[in-house]
Amino acid sequence: MKDNHPDPVVVGKYPTEFEAALVRNMLVEAGIPSQTAGGMTAGFRAETPGMVQVLVPGEFAEVAREMIAEQKANPDS
């Protein structure tokens, strides 16, 4: 299913703000607007730790997911 809308779509979830920021920065450098959400619940900042989400506008979701998958498959590149 293709997300052709401007509403934010979660393209990744990470246990730390640092990991999420690395992904967000990679996407921004590629021209994909992105943001993170959930930093205050990551790690041990909250009673129930959560994950930091990386969000992009729906129209960029497919490309962003492909970039993230490629980066995971080739972490040294």
N, C-alpha and C. Protein backbone atom coordinates (compact mmCIF):
# COMPACT_ATOMS: atom_id res chain seq x y z
N MET A 1 0.84 -1.19 0.00
CA MET A 1 0.00 0.00 0.00
C MET A 1 0.88 1.25 0.00
N LYS A 2 0.59 2.15 -0.87
CA LYS A 2 1.38 3.38 -0.98
C LYS A 2 0.71 4.49 -0.19
N ASP A 3 1.50 5.20 0.60
CA ASP A 3 0.99 6.30 1.43
C ASP A 3 1.16 7.61 0.67
N ASN A 4 0.13 8.07 -0.03
CA ASN A 4 0.21 9.32 -0.79
C ASN A 4 -0.53 10.43 -0.07
N HIS A 5 -0.09 10.75 1.10
CA HIS A 5 -0.73 11.82 1.86
C HIS A 5 0.33 12.54 2.71
N PRO A 6 0.04 13.76 3.10
CA PRO A 6 1.03 14.52 3.87
C PRO A 6 1.06 14.17 5.36
N ASP A 7 0.09 13.38 5.85
CA ASP A 7 0.07 13.05 7.27
C ASP A 7 1.32 12.26 7.64
N PRO A 8 1.85 12.47 8.85
CA PRO A 8 3.06 11.75 9.26
C PRO A 8 2.83 10.24 9.33
N VAL A 9 3.84 9.50 8.88
CA VAL A 9 3.82 8.05 8.89
C VAL A 9 5.08 7.58 9.63
N VAL A 10 4.93 6.62 10.52
CA VAL A 10 6.07 6.06 11.24
C VAL A 10 6.83 5.13 10.29
N VAL A 11 8.11 5.40 10.09
CA VAL A 11 8.93 4.55 9.23
C VAL A 11 9.98 3.77 10.01
N GLY A 12 10.09 4.03 11.29
CA GLY A 12 11.03 3.29 12.13
C GLY A 12 10.82 3.59 13.59
N LYS A 13 11.18 2.60 14.44
CA LYS A 13 11.11 2.77 15.90
C LYS A 13 12.45 2.32 16.47
N TYR A 14 12.99 3.14 17.39
CA TYR A 14 14.33 2.90 17.91
C TYR A 14 14.32 3.05 19.43
N PRO A 15 15.18 2.29 20.13
CA PRO A 15 15.19 2.34 21.59
C PRO A 15 15.79 3.61 22.18
N THR A 16 16.61 4.33 21.40
CA THR A 16 17.23 5.54 21.92
C THR A 16 17.04 6.72 20.98
N GLU A 17 17.12 7.91 21.55
CA GLU A 17 17.04 9.13 20.75
C GLU A 17 18.21 9.21 19.77
N PHE A 18 19.37 8.74 20.19
CA PHE A 18 20.55 8.80 19.34
C PHE A 18 20.35 7.99 18.06
N GLU A 19 19.87 6.76 18.19
CA GLU A 19 19.64 5.92 17.01
C GLU A 19 18.61 6.54 16.08
N ALA A 20 17.53 7.06 16.66
CA ALA A 20 16.49 7.70 15.86
C ALA A 20 17.03 8.94 15.16
N ALA A 21 17.88 9.70 15.85
CA ALA A 21 18.45 10.91 15.25
C ALA A 21 19.36 10.57 14.08
N LEU A 22 20.10 9.49 14.18
CA LEU A 22 20.96 9.08 13.06
C LEU A 22 20.12 8.79 11.81
N VAL A 23 19.01 8.09 12.00
CA VAL A 23 18.13 7.77 10.87
C VAL A 23 17.48 9.04 10.34
N ARG A 24 16.99 9.88 11.24
CA ARG A 24 16.36 11.13 10.82
C ARG A 24 17.35 11.98 10.01
N ASN A 25 18.57 12.08 10.49
CA ASN A 25 19.59 12.86 9.78
C ASN A 25 19.88 12.29 8.39
N MET A 26 19.93 10.96 8.28
CA MET A 26 20.16 10.33 6.99
C MET A 26 19.03 10.71 6.02
N LEU A 27 17.80 10.67 6.51
CA LEU A 27 16.66 10.99 5.65
C LEU A 27 16.67 12.47 5.26
N VAL A 28 16.95 13.35 6.21
CA VAL A 28 16.99 14.79 5.93
C VAL A 28 18.06 15.09 4.89
N GLU A 29 19.23 14.46 5.03
CA GLU A 29 20.30 14.67 4.06
C GLU A 29 19.90 14.22 2.66
N ALA A 30 18.97 13.26 2.57
CA ALA A 30 18.48 12.77 1.28
C ALA A 30 17.30 13.60 0.77
N GLY A 31 16.94 14.66 1.51
CA GLY A 31 15.85 15.53 1.09
C GLY A 31 14.47 15.08 1.54
N ILE A 32 14.42 14.15 2.50
CA ILE A 32 13.14 13.67 3.01
C ILE A 32 12.87 14.35 4.34
N PRO A 33 11.82 15.18 4.41
CA PRO A 33 11.50 15.82 5.68
C PRO A 33 11.17 14.73 6.72
N SER A 34 11.74 14.85 7.90
CA SER A 34 11.46 13.85 8.93
C SER A 34 11.59 14.47 10.30
N GLN A 35 11.02 13.77 11.26
CA GLN A 35 11.08 14.22 12.66
C GLN A 35 11.05 12.99 13.55
N THR A 36 11.38 13.21 14.83
CA THR A 36 11.31 12.13 15.79
C THR A 36 10.26 12.46 16.84
N ALA A 37 9.71 11.41 17.43
CA ALA A 37 8.71 11.58 18.49
C ALA A 37 8.90 10.47 19.51
N GLY A 38 8.70 10.79 20.76
CA GLY A 38 8.76 9.79 21.81
C GLY A 38 10.05 9.78 22.60
N GLY A 39 10.87 10.80 22.44
CA GLY A 39 12.15 10.84 23.15
C GLY A 39 12.02 10.81 24.66
N MET A 40 10.99 11.40 25.19
CA MET A 40 10.83 11.46 26.64
C MET A 40 10.44 10.11 27.24
N THR A 41 9.96 9.18 26.43
CA THR A 41 9.60 7.87 26.96
C THR A 41 10.64 6.81 26.64
N ALA A 42 11.68 7.17 25.92
CA ALA A 42 12.72 6.21 25.59
C ALA A 42 13.63 5.96 26.78
N GLY A 43 14.23 4.81 26.78
CA GLY A 43 15.16 4.47 27.85
C GLY A 43 14.47 4.42 29.20
N PHE A 44 15.04 5.07 30.19
CA PHE A 44 14.48 5.02 31.53
C PHE A 44 13.96 6.36 32.01
N ARG A 45 13.52 7.21 31.10
CA ARG A 45 13.00 8.51 31.49
C ARG A 45 11.56 8.46 31.97
N ALA A 46 10.91 7.37 31.70
CA ALA A 46 9.50 7.26 32.09
C ALA A 46 9.31 5.93 32.82
N GLU A 47 8.20 5.83 33.52
CA GLU A 47 7.88 4.59 34.23
C GLU A 47 7.83 3.42 33.25
N THR A 48 7.25 3.63 32.09
CA THR A 48 7.13 2.59 31.08
C THR A 48 7.92 3.03 29.86
N PRO A 49 9.15 2.54 29.71
CA PRO A 49 9.96 2.97 28.58
C PRO A 49 9.30 2.65 27.24
N GLY A 50 9.50 3.55 26.29
CA GLY A 50 8.94 3.37 24.96
C GLY A 50 10.03 3.46 23.92
N MET A 51 9.60 3.61 22.70
CA MET A 51 10.52 3.71 21.58
C MET A 51 10.42 5.11 20.97
N VAL A 52 11.51 5.54 20.33
CA VAL A 52 11.51 6.81 19.63
C VAL A 52 11.13 6.50 18.18
N GLN A 53 10.13 7.19 17.69
CA GLN A 53 9.64 6.97 16.34
C GLN A 53 10.25 7.98 15.38
N VAL A 54 10.52 7.53 14.17
CA VAL A 54 10.93 8.43 13.09
C VAL A 54 9.72 8.54 12.17
N LEU A 55 9.29 9.78 11.92
CA LEU A 55 8.11 10.02 11.09
C LEU A 55 8.47 10.84 9.87
N VAL A 56 7.79 10.54 8.76
CA VAL A 56 7.95 11.30 7.52
C VAL A 56 6.57 11.53 6.94
N PRO A 57 6.40 12.55 6.08
CA PRO A 57 5.12 12.70 5.38
C PRO A 57 4.84 11.43 4.57
N GLY A 58 3.58 11.04 4.50
CA GLY A 58 3.19 9.80 3.84
C GLY A 58 3.75 9.64 2.45
N GLU A 59 3.85 10.72 1.70
CA GLU A 59 4.33 10.61 0.32
C GLU A 59 5.80 10.19 0.24
N PHE A 60 6.55 10.30 1.35
CA PHE A 60 7.95 9.91 1.37
C PHE A 60 8.17 8.57 2.08
N ALA A 61 7.12 7.96 2.61
CA ALA A 61 7.25 6.78 3.44
C ALA A 61 7.93 5.61 2.73
N GLU A 62 7.53 5.32 1.52
CA GLU A 62 8.08 4.17 0.80
C GLU A 62 9.58 4.33 0.57
N VAL A 63 9.99 5.50 0.11
CA VAL A 63 11.42 5.76 -0.14
C VAL A 63 12.19 5.72 1.17
N ALA A 64 11.63 6.30 2.23
CA ALA A 64 12.31 6.31 3.53
C ALA A 64 12.50 4.89 4.04
N ARG A 65 11.48 4.06 3.94
CA ARG A 65 11.60 2.67 4.40
C ARG A 65 12.67 1.93 3.60
N GLU A 66 12.72 2.18 2.30
CA GLU A 66 13.75 1.53 1.47
C GLU A 66 15.15 1.96 1.90
N MET A 67 15.32 3.26 2.17
CA MET A 67 16.62 3.75 2.61
C MET A 67 17.03 3.14 3.94
N ILE A 68 16.07 3.04 4.86
CA ILE A 68 16.35 2.47 6.18
C ILE A 68 16.73 0.99 6.04
N ALA A 69 15.99 0.27 5.21
CA ALA A 69 16.28 -1.16 5.00
C ALA A 69 17.66 -1.35 4.37
N GLU A 70 18.01 -0.49 3.42
CA GLU A 70 19.32 -0.58 2.78
C GLU A 70 20.43 -0.28 3.78
N GLN A 71 20.21 0.70 4.64
CA GLN A 71 21.21 1.06 5.64
C GLN A 71 21.39 -0.08 6.64
N LYS A 72 20.29 -0.75 7.01
CA LYS A 72 20.39 -1.89 7.93
C LYS A 72 21.13 -3.06 7.29
N ALA A 73 20.91 -3.27 5.98
CA ALA A 73 21.56 -4.36 5.27
C ALA A 73 23.05 -4.10 5.06
N ASN A 74 23.41 -2.80 4.96
CA ASN A 74 24.81 -2.39 4.71
C ASN A 74 25.23 -1.34 5.73
N PRO A 75 25.37 -1.71 6.99
CA PRO A 75 25.65 -0.71 8.04
C PRO A 75 26.99 0.01 7.90
N ASP A 76 27.92 -0.56 7.17
CA ASP A 76 29.25 0.06 7.04
C ASP A 76 29.34 1.05 5.89
N SER A 77 28.24 1.21 5.09
CA SER A 77 28.33 2.14 3.96
C SER A 77 27.86 3.51 4.31
